[in-house]
Amino acid sequence: MTATYYSAPAPVTRRIRGYFAPVSRATQTPVLFDPSQQGHCSLDAPPAPWIDLGWLQGFTRKPVSKSIPVLTGVPAAAQEQVRQTIEAQLTVQFQSWTKLTMALATGSQHMNVLVAANGASPAPLGAQASTAVSIQSGSTASTILLASTDAGKFSAGSIVVVDADYTGQTGYVGSPVSGAYVRQAIADIDYIRRVTFNVALVSQVTPTGLTLASPLIGGSPAAGAKLQAVSGFVDREGGCFYQEWSALFAMEGSQGERIFYHYPRLQPLSGAEEAVTPLDTKNRSGSSRVQLVGQFLALPITDPLDGERAVCYRSFLPASNALV
């Protein structure tokens, strides 16, 4: 049979999906997206290390790069154009409040609220924490092995954090995502566990440890890592640290075509912000939905193909049998 080809209309999409991956701050290495190898992946199971943040709203991208003319002659006339600046901005609303979405919508450090020790003095980022417990060897990203006396301190449905003690080091801290930059040594032994992204929900407690509902994004715990209970999350307006992530946004058309926007490096452009939307048009019930708003500045990378600097890659994968 002869294949039927058709002219491709403008894509019709309903929603946009977002994925984020941590930039290695120590080596300044972003996560790259390869449309030739990853463009047809399942949108429900993105390739590692991309983290699926689900459907998003209010996706708005704004190119603000500037060009200037090169003038020659008398009187002067434009001979050609050159790039003066390379810059892009992005705004998106997240549909859920999670550790990661709160951090992405925050201008600075994002903290885990560790369960406080008995009698600890109040503090805005959480009081002195209860003592961390040691993790046994053989633990994985989904199963944390503990001494039986320690396992009994936790319950299914609770949140836990896994990372190393803070021992006075400076620079980027947190594994595998840099959660903060320490300029001078501080006194809190739990500081890394306050800022790390290695958090998860406990689905089951056994005599030998904890089973997690989702794997730790840092993988199997490193030797010497410890575990503490988390009661929530907190961030603050201010601070000198900037989150930095790689981002990928996907639109799937009604004919199976796909549009991808890949930002290798995104940093927050503003502080914490929310969008409050009434659930009914006249707001008679008084109920409103509170969504996190992320505003980002795209930072450049140097493309290894030809040395050009770029802040975003837009890819289009046509539908089957569509004319190009």
C-alpha atoms as a PDB file:
ATOM      1  CA  MET A   1       0.000   0.000   0.000  1.00  0.00           C
ATOM      2  CA  THR A   2       1.099   3.534  -0.712  1.00  0.00           C
ATOM      3  CA  ALA A   3       1.558   5.645   2.410  1.00  0.00           C
ATOM      4  CA  THR A   4      -0.633   8.714   2.754  1.00  0.00           C
ATOM      5  CA  TYR A   5       1.146  11.946   3.518  1.00  0.00           C
ATOM      6  CA  TYR A   6      -0.471  15.095   4.795  1.00  0.00           C
ATOM      7  CA  SER A   7       0.455  18.691   5.478  1.00  0.00           C
ATOM      8  CA  ALA A   8       1.097  19.189   9.168  1.00  0.00           C
ATOM      9  CA  PRO A   9      -1.223  21.735  10.817  1.00  0.00           C
ATOM     10  CA  ALA A  10      -0.119  23.829  13.753  1.00  0.00           C
ATOM     11  CA  PRO A  11       0.150  21.467  16.742  1.00  0.00           C
ATOM     12  CA  VAL A  12      -2.844  21.293  19.062  1.00  0.00           C
ATOM     13  CA  THR A  13      -1.859  20.608  22.657  1.00  0.00           C
ATOM     14  CA  ARG A  14      -3.760  20.696  25.934  1.00  0.00           C
ATOM     15  CA  ARG A  15      -1.065  20.854  28.596  1.00  0.00           C
ATOM     16  CA  ILE A  16       2.656  21.109  29.098  1.00  0.00           C
ATOM     17  CA  ARG A  17       4.751  18.766  31.183  1.00  0.00           C
ATOM     18  CA  GLY A  18       7.853  19.697  33.142  1.00  0.00           C
ATOM     19  CA  TYR A  19      11.011  17.818  34.093  1.00  0.00           C
ATOM     20  CA  PHE A  20      13.950  19.084  36.114  1.00  0.00           C
ATOM     21  CA  ALA A  21      17.421  17.702  36.797  1.00  0.00           C
ATOM     22  CA  PRO A  22      20.168  18.958  39.114  1.00  0.00           C
ATOM     23  CA  VAL A  23      23.126  20.902  37.768  1.00  0.00           C
ATOM     24  CA  SER A  24      26.457  19.883  39.285  1.00  0.00           C
ATOM     25  CA  ARG A  25      27.435  23.164  40.905  1.00  0.00           C
ATOM     26  CA  ALA A  26      30.969  22.020  41.769  1.00  0.00           C
ATOM     27  CA  THR A  27      31.805  21.184  38.132  1.00  0.00           C
ATOM     28  CA  GLN A  28      29.244  23.553  36.527  1.00  0.00           C
ATOM     29  CA  THR A  29      27.864  20.643  34.502  1.00  0.00           C
ATOM     30  CA  PRO A  30      24.218  20.833  33.362  1.00  0.00           C
ATOM     31  CA  VAL A  31      22.045  17.902  32.260  1.00  0.00           C
ATOM     32  CA  LEU A  32      21.614  17.804  28.485  1.00  0.00           C
ATOM     33  CA  PHE A  33      18.629  16.508  26.521  1.00  0.00           C
ATOM     34  CA  ASP A  34      19.297  14.657  23.252  1.00  0.00           C
ATOM     35  CA  PRO A  35      16.202  14.711  20.999  1.00  0.00           C
ATOM     36  CA  SER A  36      17.702  12.046  18.721  1.00  0.00           C
ATOM     37  CA  GLN A  37      17.909   9.484  21.531  1.00  0.00           C
ATOM     38  CA  GLN A  38      15.430  10.697  24.142  1.00  0.00           C
ATOM     39  CA  GLY A  39      12.780  12.501  22.126  1.00  0.00           C
ATOM     40  CA  HIS A  40      10.473   9.486  21.888  1.00  0.00           C
ATOM     41  CA  CYS A  41      10.792   8.365  25.507  1.00  0.00           C
ATOM     42  CA  SER A  42       7.666   7.762  27.557  1.00  0.00           C
ATOM     43  CA  LEU A  43       6.599  11.062  29.080  1.00  0.00           C
ATOM     44  CA  ASP A  44       5.539   9.085  32.157  1.00  0.00           C
ATOM     45  CA  ALA A  45       9.031   7.601  32.571  1.00  0.00           C
ATOM     46  CA  PRO A  46      11.671  10.207  31.642  1.00  0.00           C
ATOM     47  CA  PRO A  47      15.294   9.087  31.343  1.00  0.00           C
ATOM     48  CA  ALA A  48      17.513   9.550  34.405  1.00  0.00           C
ATOM     49  CA  PRO A  49      18.294  11.970  35.960  1.00  0.00           C
ATOM     50  CA  TRP A  50      15.210  13.922  34.852  1.00  0.00           C
ATOM     51  CA  ILE A  51      12.567  14.251  37.602  1.00  0.00           C
ATOM     52  CA  ASP A  52       8.938  14.381  36.483  1.00  0.00           C
ATOM     53  CA  LEU A  53       7.011  17.305  38.016  1.00  0.00           C
ATOM     54  CA  GLY A  54       3.801  16.517  36.160  1.00  0.00           C
ATOM     55  CA  TRP A  55       1.541  18.946  34.337  1.00  0.00           C
ATOM     56  CA  LEU A  56       2.158  22.676  34.592  1.00  0.00           C
ATOM     57  CA  GLN A  57       0.187  25.859  34.001  1.00  0.00           C
ATOM     58  CA  GLY A  58       1.053  29.380  32.978  1.00  0.00           C
ATOM     59  CA  PHE A  59       4.115  28.383  30.963  1.00  0.00           C
ATOM     60  CA  THR A  60       5.457  31.602  29.449  1.00  0.00           C
ATOM     61  CA  ARG A  61       8.873  32.007  27.915  1.00  0.00           C
ATOM     62  CA  LYS A  62      10.340  35.356  26.984  1.00  0.00           C
ATOM     63  CA  PRO A  63      13.469  35.775  24.864  1.00  0.00           C
ATOM     64  CA  VAL A  64      15.182  38.998  25.882  1.00  0.00           C
ATOM     65  CA  SER A  65      18.457  38.684  23.961  1.00  0.00           C
ATOM     66  CA  LYS A  66      19.504  41.943  22.356  1.00  0.00           C
ATOM     67  CA  SER A  67      21.115  42.652  19.007  1.00  0.00           C
ATOM     68  CA  ILE A  68      22.771  45.877  17.913  1.00  0.00           C
ATOM     69  CA  PRO A  69      23.635  47.080  14.399  1.00  0.00           C
ATOM     70  CA  VAL A  70      27.193  47.593  13.259  1.00  0.00           C
ATOM     71  CA  LEU A  71      27.209  51.005  11.597  1.00  0.00           C
ATOM     72  CA  THR A  72      29.525  52.011   8.750  1.00  0.00           C
ATOM     73  CA  GLY A  73      29.861  54.895   6.339  1.00  0.00           C
ATOM     74  CA  VAL A  74      28.979  58.574   6.427  1.00  0.00           C
ATOM     75  CA  PRO A  75      26.157  59.004   7.130  1.00  0.00           C
ATOM     76  CA  ALA A  76      26.183  55.814   9.192  1.00  0.00           C
ATOM     77  CA  ALA A  77      24.058  52.901   8.027  1.00  0.00           C
ATOM     78  CA  ALA A  78      23.546  49.426   9.417  1.00  0.00           C
ATOM     79  CA  GLN A  79      25.946  46.983   7.765  1.00  0.00           C
ATOM     80  CA  GLU A  80      25.115  43.912   9.858  1.00  0.00           C
ATOM     81  CA  GLN A  81      23.877  42.841  13.281  1.00  0.00           C
ATOM     82  CA  VAL A  82      25.719  41.312  16.216  1.00  0.00           C
ATOM     83  CA  ARG A  83      24.498  39.834  19.484  1.00  0.00           C
ATOM     84  CA  GLN A  84      24.905  42.227  22.388  1.00  0.00           C
ATOM     85  CA  THR A  85      23.416  40.008  25.115  1.00  0.00           C
ATOM     86  CA  ILE A  86      22.073  36.449  25.333  1.00  0.00           C
ATOM     87  CA  GLU A  87      19.234  36.127  27.808  1.00  0.00           C
ATOM     88  CA  ALA A  88      15.869  34.418  28.260  1.00  0.00           C
ATOM     89  CA  GLN A  89      13.272  34.381  31.014  1.00  0.00           C
ATOM     90  CA  LEU A  90      10.662  31.808  31.936  1.00  0.00           C
ATOM     91  CA  THR A  91       7.556  31.716  34.140  1.00  0.00           C
ATOM     92  CA  VAL A  92       5.580  28.636  35.159  1.00  0.00           C
ATOM     93  CA  GLN A  93       2.988  27.653  37.763  1.00  0.00           C
ATOM     94  CA  PHE A  94       3.389  24.315  39.525  1.00  0.00           C
ATOM     95  CA  GLN A  95       0.270  22.236  40.184  1.00  0.00           C
ATOM     96  CA  SER A  96       1.479  20.713  43.460  1.00  0.00           C
ATOM     97  CA  TRP A  97       3.448  21.686  46.549  1.00  0.00           C
ATOM     98  CA  THR A  98       6.391  19.335  47.025  1.00  0.00           C
ATOM     99  CA  LYS A  99       9.946  19.624  48.268  1.00  0.00           C
ATOM    100  CA  LEU A 100      11.194  20.185  44.715  1.00  0.00           C
ATOM    101  CA  THR A 101       8.490  22.549  43.464  1.00  0.00           C
ATOM    102  CA  MET A 102       8.874  24.726  46.569  1.00  0.00           C
ATOM    103  CA  ALA A 103      12.632  24.865  46.016  1.00  0.00           C
ATOM    104  CA  LEU A 104      12.212  25.766  42.348  1.00  0.00           C
ATOM    105  CA  ALA A 105       9.862  28.600  43.274  1.00  0.00           C
ATOM    106  CA  THR A 106      12.261  29.914  45.933  1.00  0.00           C
ATOM    107  CA  GLY A 107      15.050  32.395  45.368  1.00  0.00           C
ATOM    108  CA  SER A 108      17.496  30.868  47.850  1.00  0.00           C
ATOM    109  CA  GLN A 109      18.050  27.905  50.188  1.00  0.00           C
ATOM    110  CA  HIS A 110      15.111  25.606  50.758  1.00  0.00           C
ATOM    111  CA  MET A 111      15.108  23.791  54.091  1.00  0.00           C
ATOM    112  CA  ASN A 112      13.740  20.580  55.547  1.00  0.00           C
ATOM    113  CA  VAL A 113      12.020  21.139  58.895  1.00  0.00           C
ATOM    114  CA  LEU A 114      13.626  18.464  61.056  1.00  0.00           C
ATOM    115  CA  VAL A 115      11.604  17.070  63.954  1.00  0.00           C
ATOM    116  CA  ALA A 116      12.761  18.996  67.020  1.00  0.00           C
ATOM    117  CA  ALA A 117      14.431  17.550  70.078  1.00  0.00           C
ATOM    118  CA  ASN A 118      12.460  17.681  73.324  1.00  0.00           C
ATOM    119  CA  GLY A 119      12.789  21.062  75.013  1.00  0.00           C
ATOM    120  CA  ALA A 120      14.674  22.698  72.119  1.00  0.00           C
ATOM    121  CA  SER A 121      14.490  26.491  71.812  1.00  0.00           C
ATOM    122  CA  PRO A 122      12.316  27.831  68.957  1.00  0.00           C
ATOM    123  CA  ALA A 123      14.017  28.974  65.739  1.00  0.00           C
ATOM    124  CA  PRO A 124      12.540  30.287  62.442  1.00  0.00           C
ATOM    125  CA  LEU A 125      14.078  27.480  60.356  1.00  0.00           C
ATOM    126  CA  GLY A 126      13.330  24.821  62.953  1.00  0.00           C
ATOM    127  CA  ALA A 127      14.703  24.146  66.415  1.00  0.00           C
ATOM    128  CA  GLN A 128      17.616  21.889  67.273  1.00  0.00           C
ATOM    129  CA  ALA A 129      16.734  18.530  65.757  1.00  0.00           C
ATOM    130  CA  SER A 130      16.293  15.172  67.420  1.00  0.00           C
ATOM    131  CA  THR A 131      19.385  12.992  67.136  1.00  0.00           C
ATOM    132  CA  ALA A 132      19.976  11.411  63.719  1.00  0.00           C
ATOM    133  CA  VAL A 133      20.208   7.609  63.493  1.00  0.00           C
ATOM    134  CA  SER A 134      22.934   5.696  61.670  1.00  0.00           C
ATOM    135  CA  ILE A 135      22.153   3.825  58.458  1.00  0.00           C
ATOM    136  CA  GLN A 136      23.328   0.229  58.092  1.00  0.00           C
ATOM    137  CA  SER A 137      25.438  -0.968  55.165  1.00  0.00           C
ATOM    138  CA  GLY A 138      23.482  -2.607  52.356  1.00  0.00           C
ATOM    139  CA  SER A 139      20.888   0.164  52.205  1.00  0.00           C
ATOM    140  CA  THR A 140      19.577   1.170  48.774  1.00  0.00           C
ATOM    141  CA  ALA A 141      17.749   4.180  47.351  1.00  0.00           C
ATOM    142  CA  SER A 142      14.418   2.516  48.233  1.00  0.00           C
ATOM    143  CA  THR A 143      15.263   0.478  51.339  1.00  0.00           C
ATOM    144  CA  ILE A 144      16.978   1.973  54.372  1.00  0.00           C
ATOM    145  CA  LEU A 145      18.419  -0.593  56.788  1.00  0.00           C
ATOM    146  CA  LEU A 146      18.436   0.397  60.453  1.00  0.00           C
ATOM    147  CA  ALA A 147      19.015  -1.160  63.828  1.00  0.00           C
ATOM    148  CA  SER A 148      15.711  -2.524  65.152  1.00  0.00           C
ATOM    149  CA  THR A 149      15.631   0.011  67.995  1.00  0.00           C
ATOM    150  CA  ASP A 150      16.032   2.841  65.472  1.00  0.00           C
ATOM    151  CA  ALA A 151      13.466   1.487  62.990  1.00  0.00           C
ATOM    152  CA  GLY A 152      10.832   1.592  65.723  1.00  0.00           C
ATOM    153  CA  LYS A 153      11.212   5.372  65.985  1.00  0.00           C
ATOM    154  CA  PHE A 154       9.579   5.893  62.566  1.00  0.00           C
ATOM    155  CA  SER A 155       6.149   5.160  61.113  1.00  0.00           C
ATOM    156  CA  ALA A 156       4.603   4.625  57.702  1.00  0.00           C
ATOM    157  CA  GLY A 157       3.462   7.897  56.151  1.00  0.00           C
ATOM    158  CA  SER A 158       6.247   9.941  57.726  1.00  0.00           C
ATOM    159  CA  ILE A 159       8.935  11.841  55.788  1.00  0.00           C
ATOM    160  CA  VAL A 160      12.626  11.169  56.306  1.00  0.00           C
ATOM    161  CA  VAL A 161      15.855  12.774  55.129  1.00  0.00           C
ATOM    162  CA  VAL A 162      19.136  10.983  54.425  1.00  0.00           C
ATOM    163  CA  ASP A 163      22.547  12.638  54.222  1.00  0.00           C
ATOM    164  CA  ALA A 164      25.862  13.099  56.011  1.00  0.00           C
ATOM    165  CA  ASP A 165      26.690  15.048  59.160  1.00  0.00           C
ATOM    166  CA  TYR A 166      27.940  18.583  58.647  1.00  0.00           C
ATOM    167  CA  THR A 167      31.566  18.686  59.816  1.00  0.00           C
ATOM    168  CA  GLY A 168      32.592  22.298  59.211  1.00  0.00           C
ATOM    169  CA  GLN A 169      33.216  22.213  55.458  1.00  0.00           C
ATOM    170  CA  THR A 170      32.610  25.260  53.261  1.00  0.00           C
ATOM    171  CA  GLY A 171      31.408  25.532  49.684  1.00  0.00           C
ATOM    172  CA  TYR A 172      28.497  23.649  48.125  1.00  0.00           C
ATOM    173  CA  VAL A 173      26.842  21.078  50.402  1.00  0.00           C
ATOM    174  CA  GLY A 174      24.128  18.485  49.835  1.00  0.00           C
ATOM    175  CA  SER A 175      24.122  15.260  47.843  1.00  0.00           C
ATOM    176  CA  PRO A 176      23.477  14.894  44.951  1.00  0.00           C
ATOM    177  CA  VAL A 177      21.892  18.332  44.627  1.00  0.00           C
ATOM    178  CA  SER A 178      23.700  21.324  46.066  1.00  0.00           C
ATOM    179  CA  GLY A 179      21.210  22.699  48.558  1.00  0.00           C
ATOM    180  CA  ALA A 180      23.313  25.586  49.871  1.00  0.00           C
ATOM    181  CA  TYR A 181      26.690  27.290  49.703  1.00  0.00           C
ATOM    182  CA  VAL A 182      28.433  27.654  53.082  1.00  0.00           C
ATOM    183  CA  ARG A 183      30.708  30.693  53.219  1.00  0.00           C
ATOM    184  CA  GLN A 184      32.049  30.085  56.713  1.00  0.00           C
ATOM    185  CA  ALA A 185      31.790  27.138  59.073  1.00  0.00           C
ATOM    186  CA  ILE A 186      28.632  26.932  61.198  1.00  0.00           C
ATOM    187  CA  ALA A 187      27.828  24.957  64.327  1.00  0.00           C
ATOM    188  CA  ASP A 188      24.816  22.858  63.253  1.00  0.00           C
ATOM    189  CA  ILE A 189      25.770  19.164  62.754  1.00  0.00           C
ATOM    190  CA  ASP A 190      22.412  18.637  60.981  1.00  0.00           C
ATOM    191  CA  TYR A 191      22.848  21.485  58.467  1.00  0.00           C
ATOM    192  CA  ILE A 192      23.362  19.255  55.410  1.00  0.00           C
ATOM    193  CA  ARG A 193      20.252  17.270  56.275  1.00  0.00           C
ATOM    194  CA  ARG A 194      18.375  20.569  56.579  1.00  0.00           C
ATOM    195  CA  VAL A 195      19.213  21.595  52.993  1.00  0.00           C
ATOM    196  CA  THR A 196      19.559  18.275  51.141  1.00  0.00           C
ATOM    197  CA  PHE A 197      17.049  17.072  48.546  1.00  0.00           C
ATOM    198  CA  ASN A 198      17.497  13.446  49.636  1.00  0.00           C
ATOM    199  CA  VAL A 199      14.030  13.176  51.189  1.00  0.00           C
ATOM    200  CA  ALA A 200      11.331  10.542  50.791  1.00  0.00           C
ATOM    201  CA  LEU A 201       8.047   9.265  52.200  1.00  0.00           C
ATOM    202  CA  VAL A 202       8.115   6.081  54.286  1.00  0.00           C
ATOM    203  CA  SER A 203       5.685   3.465  52.924  1.00  0.00           C
ATOM    204  CA  GLN A 204       6.505   0.621  55.321  1.00  0.00           C
ATOM    205  CA  VAL A 205       8.415   0.024  58.533  1.00  0.00           C
ATOM    206  CA  THR A 206       9.966  -3.394  59.199  1.00  0.00           C
ATOM    207  CA  PRO A 207      12.096  -4.690  62.067  1.00  0.00           C
ATOM    208  CA  THR A 208      15.160  -4.145  59.881  1.00  0.00           C
ATOM    209  CA  GLY A 209      14.436  -0.711  58.447  1.00  0.00           C
ATOM    210  CA  LEU A 210      12.276   1.470  56.206  1.00  0.00           C
ATOM    211  CA  THR A 211      10.802   0.989  52.742  1.00  0.00           C
ATOM    212  CA  LEU A 212      10.435   4.268  50.847  1.00  0.00           C
ATOM    213  CA  ALA A 213       7.512   5.162  48.585  1.00  0.00           C
ATOM    214  CA  SER A 214       9.899   6.596  45.979  1.00  0.00           C
ATOM    215  CA  PRO A 215      13.681   6.229  45.591  1.00  0.00           C
ATOM    216  CA  LEU A 216      16.027   8.847  46.987  1.00  0.00           C
ATOM    217  CA  ILE A 217      17.182  11.053  44.116  1.00  0.00           C
ATOM    218  CA  GLY A 218      20.756  10.649  45.349  1.00  0.00           C
ATOM    219  CA  GLY A 219      20.653   6.864  44.990  1.00  0.00           C
ATOM    220  CA  SER A 220      21.986   4.516  47.647  1.00  0.00           C
ATOM    221  CA  PRO A 221      23.096   6.331  50.829  1.00  0.00           C
ATOM    222  CA  ALA A 222      26.814   7.063  51.063  1.00  0.00           C
ATOM    223  CA  ALA A 223      28.878   5.545  53.822  1.00  0.00           C
ATOM    224  CA  GLY A 224      28.372   7.449  57.053  1.00  0.00           C
ATOM    225  CA  ALA A 225      24.993   8.901  56.042  1.00  0.00           C
ATOM    226  CA  LYS A 226      22.373   9.294  58.762  1.00  0.00           C
ATOM    227  CA  LEU A 227      18.602   9.572  58.840  1.00  0.00           C
ATOM    228  CA  GLN A 228      16.206  11.981  60.545  1.00  0.00           C
ATOM    229  CA  ALA A 229      12.466  12.611  60.559  1.00  0.00           C
ATOM    230  CA  VAL A 230      11.065  15.624  58.670  1.00  0.00           C
ATOM    231  CA  SER A 231       7.827  17.417  59.576  1.00  0.00           C
ATOM    232  CA  GLY A 232       7.692  19.861  56.645  1.00  0.00           C
ATOM    233  CA  PHE A 233       9.613  22.357  54.539  1.00  0.00           C
ATOM    234  CA  VAL A 234      10.520  26.023  54.922  1.00  0.00           C
ATOM    235  CA  ASP A 235      12.169  28.719  52.846  1.00  0.00           C
ATOM    236  CA  ARG A 236      12.911  32.366  53.423  1.00  0.00           C
ATOM    237  CA  GLU A 237      12.906  35.566  51.436  1.00  0.00           C
ATOM    238  CA  GLY A 238      16.507  36.682  51.114  1.00  0.00           C
ATOM    239  CA  GLY A 239      19.868  34.973  51.203  1.00  0.00           C
ATOM    240  CA  CYS A 240      22.758  34.830  48.738  1.00  0.00           C
ATOM    241  CA  PHE A 241      22.400  31.279  47.387  1.00  0.00           C
ATOM    242  CA  TYR A 242      20.729  30.643  44.016  1.00  0.00           C
ATOM    243  CA  GLN A 243      19.155  27.337  43.074  1.00  0.00           C
ATOM    244  CA  GLU A 244      20.265  26.071  39.660  1.00  0.00           C
ATOM    245  CA  TRP A 245      18.601  23.320  37.640  1.00  0.00           C
ATOM    246  CA  SER A 246      18.376  21.975  34.121  1.00  0.00           C
ATOM    247  CA  ALA A 247      14.810  21.994  32.800  1.00  0.00           C
ATOM    248  CA  LEU A 248      12.884  20.243  30.056  1.00  0.00           C
ATOM    249  CA  PHE A 249       9.329  21.098  29.019  1.00  0.00           C
ATOM    250  CA  ALA A 250       7.322  18.842  26.710  1.00  0.00           C
ATOM    251  CA  MET A 251       4.195  19.458  24.623  1.00  0.00           C
ATOM    252  CA  GLU A 252       2.535  16.543  22.832  1.00  0.00           C
ATOM    253  CA  GLY A 253       0.230  17.347  19.917  1.00  0.00           C
ATOM    254  CA  SER A 254      -3.001  15.618  18.997  1.00  0.00           C
ATOM    255  CA  GLN A 255      -1.312  13.875  16.020  1.00  0.00           C
ATOM    256  CA  GLY A 256       1.591  12.551  18.109  1.00  0.00           C
ATOM    257  CA  GLU A 257       4.043  15.346  17.328  1.00  0.00           C
ATOM    258  CA  ARG A 258       6.187  16.645  20.156  1.00  0.00           C
ATOM    259  CA  ILE A 259       7.699  20.016  21.045  1.00  0.00           C
ATOM    260  CA  PHE A 260      10.498  20.198  23.611  1.00  0.00           C
ATOM    261  CA  TYR A 261      12.027  23.243  25.294  1.00  0.00           C
ATOM    262  CA  HIS A 262      15.360  22.412  26.885  1.00  0.00           C
ATOM    263  CA  TYR A 263      16.972  24.914  29.249  1.00  0.00           C
ATOM    264  CA  PRO A 264      20.369  23.568  30.363  1.00  0.00           C
ATOM    265  CA  ARG A 265      20.712  26.146  33.167  1.00  0.00           C
ATOM    266  CA  LEU A 266      17.912  27.910  35.031  1.00  0.00           C
ATOM    267  CA  GLN A 267      18.248  30.075  38.122  1.00  0.00           C
ATOM    268  CA  PRO A 268      15.397  31.807  39.981  1.00  0.00           C
ATOM    269  CA  LEU A 269      14.718  35.350  38.859  1.00  0.00           C
ATOM    270  CA  SER A 270      12.692  36.400  41.899  1.00  0.00           C
ATOM    271  CA  GLY A 271      11.847  35.353  45.422  1.00  0.00           C
ATOM    272  CA  ALA A 272       9.031  33.069  46.563  1.00  0.00           C
ATOM    273  CA  GLU A 273       5.689  33.875  44.947  1.00  0.00           C
ATOM    274  CA  GLU A 274       2.237  32.311  44.812  1.00  0.00           C
ATOM    275  CA  ALA A 275      -0.770  32.628  42.504  1.00  0.00           C
ATOM    276  CA  VAL A 276      -4.112  32.543  44.352  1.00  0.00           C
ATOM    277  CA  THR A 277      -7.099  31.592  42.158  1.00  0.00           C
ATOM    278  CA  PRO A 278     -10.728  31.392  43.422  1.00  0.00           C
ATOM    279  CA  LEU A 279     -12.287  27.962  42.806  1.00  0.00           C
ATOM    280  CA  ASP A 280     -15.521  29.530  41.565  1.00  0.00           C
ATOM    281  CA  THR A 281     -15.856  32.628  39.417  1.00  0.00           C
ATOM    282  CA  LYS A 282     -17.675  34.678  42.056  1.00  0.00           C
ATOM    283  CA  ASN A 283     -15.677  33.198  44.950  1.00  0.00           C
ATOM    284  CA  ARG A 284     -18.843  32.679  46.983  1.00  0.00           C
ATOM    285  CA  SER A 285     -17.331  29.728  48.806  1.00  0.00           C
ATOM    286  CA  GLY A 286     -14.225  31.679  49.744  1.00  0.00           C
ATOM    287  CA  SER A 287     -12.079  28.733  48.608  1.00  0.00           C
ATOM    288  CA  SER A 288      -9.017  29.429  46.479  1.00  0.00           C
ATOM    289  CA  ARG A 289      -6.252  27.354  44.950  1.00  0.00           C
ATOM    290  CA  VAL A 290      -2.724  28.433  45.896  1.00  0.00           C
ATOM    291  CA  GLN A 291      -0.140  27.605  43.239  1.00  0.00           C
ATOM    292  CA  LEU A 292       3.603  28.099  43.346  1.00  0.00           C
ATOM    293  CA  VAL A 293       4.991  30.494  40.741  1.00  0.00           C
ATOM    294  CA  GLY A 294       8.500  29.952  39.428  1.00  0.00           C
ATOM    295  CA  GLN A 295      10.260  32.757  37.550  1.00  0.00           C
ATOM    296  CA  PHE A 296      13.620  31.851  36.055  1.00  0.00           C
ATOM    297  CA  LEU A 297      16.564  33.358  34.230  1.00  0.00           C
ATOM    298  CA  ALA A 298      18.168  31.104  31.623  1.00  0.00           C
ATOM    299  CA  LEU A 299      21.961  31.069  31.769  1.00  0.00           C
ATOM    300  CA  PRO A 300      24.137  30.173  28.745  1.00  0.00           C
ATOM    301  CA  ILE A 301      26.173  27.115  27.908  1.00  0.00           C
ATOM    302  CA  THR A 302      28.738  26.674  25.147  1.00  0.00           C
ATOM    303  CA  ASP A 303      27.486  24.173  22.582  1.00  0.00           C
ATOM    304  CA  PRO A 304      30.170  21.499  22.040  1.00  0.00           C
ATOM    305  CA  LEU A 305      29.227  21.186  18.362  1.00  0.00           C
ATOM    306  CA  ASP A 306      30.397  24.599  17.188  1.00  0.00           C
ATOM    307  CA  GLY A 307      31.283  26.673  20.255  1.00  0.00           C
ATOM    308  CA  GLU A 308      28.199  28.885  20.028  1.00  0.00           C
ATOM    309  CA  ARG A 309      26.603  30.039  23.271  1.00  0.00           C
ATOM    310  CA  ALA A 310      22.932  29.244  23.830  1.00  0.00           C
ATOM    311  CA  VAL A 311      20.347  29.457  26.601  1.00  0.00           C
ATOM    312  CA  CYS A 312      17.559  27.251  25.195  1.00  0.00           C
ATOM    313  CA  TYR A 313      17.033  24.499  22.613  1.00  0.00           C
ATOM    314  CA  ARG A 314      13.620  24.077  20.956  1.00  0.00           C
ATOM    315  CA  SER A 315      13.077  20.682  19.310  1.00  0.00           C
ATOM    316  CA  PHE A 316      10.173  19.554  17.124  1.00  0.00           C
ATOM    317  CA  LEU A 317       9.527  15.891  16.344  1.00  0.00           C
ATOM    318  CA  PRO A 318       6.884  15.705  13.568  1.00  0.00           C
ATOM    319  CA  ALA A 319       3.959  13.299  13.589  1.00  0.00           C
ATOM    320  CA  SER A 320       4.219  10.163  11.452  1.00  0.00           C
ATOM    321  CA  ASN A 321       3.727  10.773   7.718  1.00  0.00           C
ATOM    322  CA  ALA A 322       3.528  14.545   8.121  1.00  0.00           C
ATOM    323  CA  LEU A 323       5.142  16.507   5.319  1.00  0.00           C
ATOM    324  CA  VAL A 324       8.198  18.519   6.390  1.00  0.00           C
END
